[in-house]
Amino acid sequence: MHGEYKVPGGKLVVVDLEVGDGRLRDVSLSGDFFLEPDDALEVLSRALDGVPADAGVTQLVGVLEDGLRLAVDQGRIAGPVTMVGFDVRAVALAVRRALGLSTAWADHEFALLDTGPLPPAMHVALDQVLTEELDAGRRGPTVRFWEWDEPAVVIGSFQSLRNEVDLEAAARYGVTVVRRISGGGAMFMEAGNCITFSLVVPGSLVDGMSFEESYAFLNAWVLGALADVGVTATTTGLNDISSAAGKLAGSAQKRLAHGAVLHHVTMAYDIDADKMTQVLRIGREKLSDKGTRSANKRVDPVRSQTRLPREQVVEAFVAHFRSRYRTVDDVLRPAELERARELMATRFTDPAWTARVP
């Protein structure tokens, strides 16, 4: 079995191994990294012999660290051990990839779903359905850009409805309030003023990553897509994407029992800040220190920085995703649509779900 892991900004780690009686055997570590002393390479390989084949990243890291520490204590190698361009976690991930428990982008084919304009409640229902379908093994990874034709606020799974939304203002502007299954903050969405996409991937793609690491990992292609339209951006905080001009987007996740990961991003294209601050209570506080009080003021980081129509920006994002990952055009299956319509009616438009955290 053969596994490779390229450390972001670092070196390639390669592991070849066998499995016998449920345990790792004949482990061989190699790569273009730097390691001192030389004998530490064999210590790392030998430390993994006999480890259960289903060991997680944390357990593998512990075994490798203990192996190096013991070798130094016993005088089998001279300390300290210096690892440049990689670390024991990278070795653990290469082991998991050799076993097929950790995967890379190149191991997957992504279905690009074009659903056309849908109510926001239908979009959040599809998020649940497509994540459950992958979790059950009935569908592979998907990417889906949202289109909608009615104003909405989409709040996070754990947010308080009354603390986040001014329901009187929402009713006055005809804004529907929808609660999604993922955490994170509220999204103020009028047709054409945001760029939103949902990415559904297997847990193996983010194997061994912390939540913070997985956000940066799954958003890396977005930074490349923004660069294609002239915006230099970075990941900031836990789940945001920002440029020198400020925050561009926020992202949120939901993980299911068998590992499926729902990851979605909402990017401000051209938002009516006055209306948003009337509808979103938290929005008022966030923008109060920026002097955003005029009814003519807009939050438009993507439009102002790209000078491109929203449709052209979305097209550039799709093209960038296709250029990096194996992607095929696909459509929703009848059973998926039926299930999503059922969830929309029984859950995502149900006041009891919307106000589950009052």
Protein backbone atom coordinates (compact mmCIF):
# COMPACT_ATOMS: atom_id res chain seq x y z
CA MET A 1 0.00 0.00 0.00
CA HIS A 2 1.30 3.42 -1.00
CA GLY A 3 0.37 6.83 0.37
CA GLU A 4 1.62 10.36 -0.26
CA TYR A 5 1.01 13.61 1.56
CA LYS A 6 2.30 17.00 0.38
CA VAL A 7 2.67 19.37 3.30
CA PRO A 8 1.17 22.77 2.36
CA GLY A 9 4.17 24.99 1.76
CA GLY A 10 6.43 22.08 2.71
CA LYS A 11 7.70 18.76 1.44
CA LEU A 12 6.36 15.45 0.14
CA VAL A 13 6.00 12.56 2.59
CA VAL A 14 5.68 9.03 1.19
CA VAL A 15 4.76 5.86 3.07
CA ASP A 16 4.75 2.28 1.77
CA LEU A 17 3.37 -0.42 4.03
CA GLU A 18 1.63 -3.76 4.34
CA VAL A 19 -1.20 -4.85 6.63
CA GLY A 20 -1.31 -8.20 8.40
CA ASP A 21 -3.81 -9.32 11.02
CA GLY A 22 -5.19 -5.81 11.18
CA ARG A 23 -1.82 -4.21 11.97
CA LEU A 24 0.77 -2.20 10.04
CA ARG A 25 3.75 -4.18 8.76
CA ASP A 26 6.93 -3.40 6.81
CA VAL A 27 6.45 0.36 7.00
CA SER A 28 8.87 2.38 4.87
CA LEU A 29 9.04 6.18 5.08
CA SER A 30 10.59 8.37 2.37
CA GLY A 31 10.28 11.83 0.82
CA ASP A 32 12.07 15.02 -0.19
CA PHE A 33 12.05 16.41 3.34
CA PHE A 34 15.04 17.12 5.61
CA LEU A 35 15.67 15.07 8.74
CA GLU A 36 18.49 14.98 11.27
CA PRO A 37 19.97 12.68 12.43
CA ASP A 38 19.70 10.26 9.50
CA ASP A 39 18.91 7.32 11.81
CA ALA A 40 15.63 8.98 12.81
CA LEU A 41 14.15 7.85 9.47
CA GLU A 42 14.36 4.19 10.47
CA VAL A 43 13.09 4.99 13.97
CA LEU A 44 9.95 6.58 12.51
CA SER A 45 9.34 3.62 10.21
CA ARG A 46 9.91 1.02 12.93
CA ALA A 47 7.69 2.87 15.41
CA LEU A 48 4.71 2.21 13.15
CA ASP A 49 5.20 -1.55 12.88
CA GLY A 50 2.42 -3.35 14.74
CA VAL A 51 0.16 -0.31 15.13
CA PRO A 52 -3.55 -1.08 14.49
CA ALA A 53 -4.45 -0.35 10.88
CA ASP A 54 -7.49 1.64 11.97
CA ALA A 55 -5.49 3.97 14.22
CA GLY A 56 -6.50 7.60 13.89
CA VAL A 57 -4.19 10.51 13.22
CA THR A 58 -3.91 11.42 16.91
CA GLN A 59 -2.89 7.87 17.84
CA LEU A 60 -0.36 7.66 15.02
CA VAL A 61 1.17 11.01 16.00
CA GLY A 62 1.50 9.79 19.58
CA VAL A 63 3.21 6.57 18.48
CA LEU A 64 5.69 8.46 16.32
CA GLU A 65 6.49 11.03 19.00
CA ASP A 66 6.95 8.29 21.60
CA GLY A 67 9.19 6.34 19.22
CA LEU A 68 11.49 9.32 18.67
CA ARG A 69 11.57 10.20 22.36
CA LEU A 70 12.41 6.63 23.38
CA ALA A 71 15.14 6.34 20.75
CA VAL A 72 16.80 9.51 22.05
CA ASP A 73 16.44 8.44 25.70
CA GLN A 74 17.99 5.03 24.96
CA GLY A 75 20.85 6.56 22.99
CA ARG A 76 19.90 4.84 19.72
CA ILE A 77 19.91 8.23 18.00
CA ALA A 78 21.47 11.53 18.99
CA GLY A 79 19.00 14.23 19.89
CA PRO A 80 17.50 16.61 19.25
CA VAL A 81 15.60 15.39 16.18
CA THR A 82 15.14 18.09 13.53
CA MET A 83 12.34 17.76 10.95
CA VAL A 84 12.24 20.35 8.16
CA GLY A 85 9.42 20.54 5.64
CA PHE A 86 7.33 17.94 7.46
CA ASP A 87 6.35 16.68 10.90
CA VAL A 88 4.97 13.51 12.51
CA ARG A 89 1.42 14.56 11.66
CA ALA A 90 2.36 14.59 7.96
CA VAL A 91 3.68 11.05 8.36
CA ALA A 92 0.42 10.01 10.03
CA LEU A 93 -1.61 11.47 7.17
CA ALA A 94 0.55 9.65 4.60
CA VAL A 95 -0.12 6.41 6.51
CA ARG A 96 -3.86 7.08 6.48
CA ARG A 97 -3.72 7.77 2.75
CA ALA A 98 -1.87 4.52 2.12
CA LEU A 99 -4.71 2.75 3.93
CA GLY A 100 -7.39 4.61 1.96
CA LEU A 101 -8.69 6.30 5.12
CA SER A 102 -7.47 9.76 4.16
CA THR A 103 -7.97 11.10 0.65
CA ALA A 104 -6.82 13.99 -1.54
CA TRP A 105 -8.80 16.20 -3.91
CA ALA A 106 -7.44 14.19 -6.85
CA ASP A 107 -9.03 11.02 -5.46
CA HIS A 108 -12.53 12.37 -6.07
CA GLU A 109 -14.77 13.42 -8.92
CA PHE A 110 -17.12 16.29 -8.11
CA ALA A 111 -20.63 16.62 -9.47
CA LEU A 112 -21.41 20.24 -10.38
CA LEU A 113 -25.13 20.72 -9.84
CA ASP A 114 -26.99 23.55 -11.58
CA THR A 115 -30.40 23.73 -9.90
CA GLY A 116 -31.52 27.11 -11.22
CA PRO A 117 -33.30 29.65 -8.98
CA LEU A 118 -34.88 28.08 -5.89
CA PRO A 119 -36.37 29.42 -2.66
CA PRO A 120 -33.71 29.72 0.08
CA ALA A 121 -35.61 27.13 2.15
CA MET A 122 -35.19 24.67 -0.72
CA HIS A 123 -31.47 25.37 -0.86
CA VAL A 124 -30.97 24.55 2.82
CA ALA A 125 -33.12 21.43 2.36
CA LEU A 126 -30.86 20.34 -0.51
CA ASP A 127 -27.83 20.91 1.71
CA GLN A 128 -29.22 18.34 4.15
CA VAL A 129 -30.29 15.89 1.43
CA LEU A 130 -27.02 15.93 -0.53
CA THR A 131 -24.95 15.59 2.65
CA GLU A 132 -27.08 12.65 3.80
CA GLU A 133 -26.80 11.03 0.36
CA LEU A 134 -23.00 11.18 0.47
CA ASP A 135 -23.01 9.98 4.08
CA ALA A 136 -25.06 6.95 3.03
CA GLY A 137 -22.81 6.20 0.05
CA ARG A 138 -25.48 6.92 -2.55
CA ARG A 139 -23.77 9.95 -4.07
CA GLY A 140 -20.25 11.32 -4.40
CA PRO A 141 -18.96 14.81 -3.63
CA THR A 142 -20.92 17.75 -5.00
CA VAL A 143 -20.51 21.48 -5.53
CA ARG A 144 -23.52 23.71 -6.04
CA PHE A 145 -23.86 27.47 -6.51
CA TRP A 146 -27.09 28.96 -5.21
CA GLU A 147 -29.50 31.07 -7.23
CA TRP A 148 -32.65 32.48 -5.64
CA ASP A 149 -35.29 35.11 -6.38
CA GLU A 150 -36.64 36.15 -2.97
CA PRO A 151 -35.00 37.99 -0.06
CA ALA A 152 -34.10 35.91 2.96
CA VAL A 153 -32.10 35.73 6.13
CA VAL A 154 -30.51 32.32 6.65
CA ILE A 155 -29.51 31.86 10.28
CA GLY A 156 -27.12 29.32 11.76
CA SER A 157 -28.37 26.17 13.43
CA PHE A 158 -27.57 27.44 16.95
CA GLN A 159 -28.43 31.13 16.66
CA SER A 160 -31.22 32.75 18.63
CA LEU A 161 -33.97 33.90 16.29
CA ARG A 162 -35.00 36.91 18.37
CA ASN A 163 -31.41 37.96 19.05
CA GLU A 164 -30.41 37.82 15.38
CA VAL A 165 -33.47 39.00 13.45
CA ASP A 166 -35.84 41.93 13.78
CA LEU A 167 -38.95 40.06 12.69
CA GLU A 168 -41.00 43.23 12.19
CA ALA A 169 -38.40 44.65 9.84
CA ALA A 170 -38.13 41.31 8.04
CA ALA A 171 -41.91 41.26 7.50
CA ARG A 172 -41.87 44.89 6.33
CA TYR A 173 -39.32 44.10 3.64
CA GLY A 174 -40.78 40.71 2.72
CA VAL A 175 -37.68 38.89 3.99
CA THR A 176 -38.16 35.19 4.77
CA VAL A 177 -36.23 33.75 7.72
CA VAL A 178 -34.77 30.26 7.25
CA ARG A 179 -32.67 28.20 9.67
CA ARG A 180 -29.99 25.95 8.17
CA ILE A 181 -28.44 22.76 9.58
CA SER A 182 -24.89 24.15 9.88
CA GLY A 183 -23.58 26.51 12.53
CA GLY A 184 -22.14 29.94 11.97
CA GLY A 185 -23.72 33.35 11.56
CA ALA A 186 -26.67 34.87 9.76
CA MET A 187 -26.66 35.48 6.01
CA PHE A 188 -28.67 38.43 4.63
CA MET A 189 -29.50 37.44 1.06
CA GLU A 190 -31.30 39.34 -1.65
CA ALA A 191 -31.28 38.00 -5.19
CA GLY A 192 -28.08 39.03 -6.91
CA ASN A 193 -26.32 40.50 -3.88
CA CYS A 194 -24.40 37.43 -2.65
CA ILE A 195 -22.34 34.59 -4.06
CA THR A 196 -23.17 31.41 -2.17
CA PHE A 197 -22.05 27.85 -2.78
CA SER A 198 -22.34 24.51 -1.00
CA LEU A 199 -19.60 21.88 -1.11
CA VAL A 200 -20.31 18.35 0.13
CA VAL A 201 -17.24 16.15 0.64
CA PRO A 202 -16.35 12.91 2.43
CA GLY A 203 -14.74 13.18 5.84
CA SER A 204 -11.67 11.41 4.44
CA LEU A 205 -10.79 14.61 2.56
CA VAL A 206 -10.31 16.49 5.85
CA ASP A 207 -9.02 13.48 7.80
CA GLY A 208 -6.90 14.47 10.78
CA MET A 209 -7.61 18.18 10.39
CA SER A 210 -8.95 20.41 13.12
CA PHE A 211 -12.09 22.39 12.27
CA GLU A 212 -9.95 25.49 11.76
CA GLU A 213 -7.60 23.64 9.42
CA SER A 214 -10.49 22.16 7.45
CA TYR A 215 -12.02 25.60 6.85
CA ALA A 216 -8.75 26.90 5.42
CA PHE A 217 -8.25 23.70 3.40
CA LEU A 218 -11.72 23.70 1.83
CA ASN A 219 -11.55 27.44 1.14
CA ALA A 220 -8.11 27.35 -0.53
CA TRP A 221 -9.57 27.06 -4.03
CA VAL A 222 -11.78 30.10 -3.34
CA LEU A 223 -8.66 32.20 -2.79
CA GLY A 224 -7.42 31.04 -6.19
CA ALA A 225 -10.75 31.89 -7.81
CA LEU A 226 -10.70 35.35 -6.27
CA ALA A 227 -7.18 35.86 -7.60
CA ASP A 228 -8.50 35.04 -11.07
CA VAL A 229 -10.86 38.01 -10.83
CA GLY A 230 -8.21 40.32 -9.41
CA VAL A 231 -8.77 40.02 -5.65
CA THR A 232 -5.95 39.04 -3.31
CA ALA A 233 -7.51 37.29 -0.31
CA THR A 234 -6.55 35.17 2.67
CA THR A 235 -8.33 33.07 5.26
CA THR A 236 -8.82 34.93 8.53
CA GLY A 237 -10.08 33.89 11.93
CA LEU A 238 -11.78 30.51 12.09
CA ASN A 239 -13.98 30.63 9.02
CA ASP A 240 -13.68 33.96 7.18
CA ILE A 241 -12.13 35.06 3.88
CA SER A 242 -10.77 38.62 3.75
CA SER A 243 -8.87 41.01 1.52
CA ALA A 244 -6.96 44.15 2.41
CA ALA A 245 -10.28 46.01 2.16
CA GLY A 246 -11.92 43.81 4.82
CA LYS A 247 -14.05 40.71 5.14
CA LEU A 248 -15.32 39.18 1.91
CA ALA A 249 -17.04 35.99 3.05
CA GLY A 250 -17.90 33.66 5.87
CA SER A 251 -18.18 29.89 5.83
CA ALA A 252 -19.93 27.24 7.91
CA GLN A 253 -19.89 23.44 8.25
CA LYS A 254 -21.98 20.49 9.32
CA ARG A 255 -20.59 16.96 9.78
CA LEU A 256 -22.71 13.82 9.83
CA ALA A 257 -22.25 10.54 11.68
CA HIS A 258 -20.39 8.68 8.93
CA GLY A 259 -18.11 11.60 8.11
CA ALA A 260 -19.85 13.53 5.32
CA VAL A 261 -19.01 17.24 5.51
CA LEU A 262 -21.23 20.09 4.35
CA HIS A 263 -19.15 23.22 3.78
CA HIS A 264 -20.71 26.38 2.44
CA VAL A 265 -19.58 29.94 1.82
CA THR A 266 -21.51 33.18 1.44
CA MET A 267 -19.66 36.08 -0.13
CA ALA A 268 -20.96 39.65 -0.14
CA TYR A 269 -21.27 40.92 -3.71
CA ASP A 270 -23.43 44.05 -3.31
CA ILE A 271 -25.57 44.28 -0.17
CA ASP A 272 -27.98 47.03 0.88
CA ALA A 273 -26.35 47.78 4.23
CA ASP A 274 -29.21 49.95 5.49
CA LYS A 275 -31.78 47.22 4.92
CA MET A 276 -29.47 44.57 6.35
CA THR A 277 -28.90 46.53 9.54
CA GLN A 278 -32.64 46.98 9.97
CA VAL A 279 -33.33 43.26 9.56
CA LEU A 280 -30.29 41.84 11.35
CA ARG A 281 -29.89 42.94 14.95
CA ILE A 282 -26.29 41.73 15.13
CA GLY A 283 -25.59 43.45 11.83
CA ARG A 284 -26.34 46.79 13.45
CA GLU A 285 -23.70 46.20 16.11
CA LYS A 286 -21.12 44.92 13.64
CA LEU A 287 -21.46 47.93 11.36
CA SER A 288 -22.04 50.58 14.04
CA ASP A 289 -18.34 51.26 14.42
CA LYS A 290 -17.92 51.62 10.66
CA GLY A 291 -20.31 54.55 10.36
CA THR A 292 -22.68 52.62 8.10
CA ARG A 293 -25.87 54.61 8.63
CA SER A 294 -26.84 56.00 5.26
CA ALA A 295 -29.64 54.34 3.33
CA ASN A 296 -27.48 54.70 0.22
CA LYS A 297 -24.56 52.82 1.72
CA ARG A 298 -23.81 49.38 0.32
CA VAL A 299 -21.51 46.54 1.36
CA ASP A 300 -19.99 45.57 -1.98
CA PRO A 301 -16.49 44.13 -1.52
CA VAL A 302 -16.65 41.71 -4.45
CA ARG A 303 -18.37 44.07 -6.89
CA SER A 304 -16.15 47.04 -6.06
CA GLN A 305 -12.91 45.02 -6.11
CA THR A 306 -13.61 43.05 -9.29
CA ARG A 307 -15.68 45.57 -11.29
CA LEU A 308 -17.39 42.52 -12.79
CA PRO A 309 -21.05 41.49 -12.98
CA ARG A 310 -22.00 38.85 -10.40
CA GLU A 311 -22.69 36.27 -13.11
CA GLN A 312 -19.19 36.70 -14.50
CA VAL A 313 -17.65 36.26 -11.05
CA VAL A 314 -19.63 33.05 -10.51
CA GLU A 315 -18.55 31.78 -13.94
CA ALA A 316 -14.92 32.49 -13.01
CA PHE A 317 -15.35 30.56 -9.75
CA VAL A 318 -16.83 27.56 -11.58
CA ALA A 319 -14.03 27.66 -14.17
CA HIS A 320 -11.39 27.78 -11.45
CA PHE A 321 -12.92 24.82 -9.60
CA ARG A 322 -13.00 22.81 -12.85
CA SER A 323 -9.35 23.67 -13.53
CA ARG A 324 -8.23 22.26 -10.16
CA TYR A 325 -10.48 19.25 -9.60
CA ARG A 326 -12.13 16.53 -11.67
CA THR A 327 -15.63 17.88 -12.24
CA VAL A 328 -18.63 16.62 -14.18
CA ASP A 329 -21.95 18.34 -14.84
CA ASP A 330 -24.82 16.60 -13.11
CA VAL A 331 -28.45 17.06 -12.10
CA LEU A 332 -30.47 16.35 -9.02
CA ARG A 333 -32.09 12.93 -8.93
CA PRO A 334 -35.87 12.65 -8.64
CA ALA A 335 -35.63 11.04 -5.19
CA GLU A 336 -33.35 13.85 -4.00
CA LEU A 337 -35.76 16.51 -5.21
CA GLU A 338 -38.69 14.73 -3.60
CA ARG A 339 -36.89 14.44 -0.28
CA ALA A 340 -35.81 18.09 -0.41
CA ARG A 341 -39.37 19.24 -1.11
CA GLU A 342 -40.58 17.15 1.82
CA LEU A 343 -37.97 18.67 4.14
CA MET A 344 -38.75 22.15 2.91
CA ALA A 345 -42.41 21.66 3.79
CA THR A 346 -42.00 19.79 7.07
CA ARG A 347 -38.85 21.38 8.48
CA PHE A 348 -37.34 24.40 6.82
CA THR A 349 -40.58 26.38 6.48
CA ASP A 350 -41.90 25.12 9.83
CA PRO A 351 -41.96 27.93 12.44
CA ALA A 352 -41.07 25.37 15.11
CA TRP A 353 -37.72 24.65 13.38
CA THR A 354 -37.04 28.29 12.57
CA ALA A 355 -37.59 29.24 16.22
CA ARG A 356 -36.02 26.13 17.73
CA VAL A 357 -33.62 28.51 19.46
CA PRO A 358 -36.11 31.33 20.24
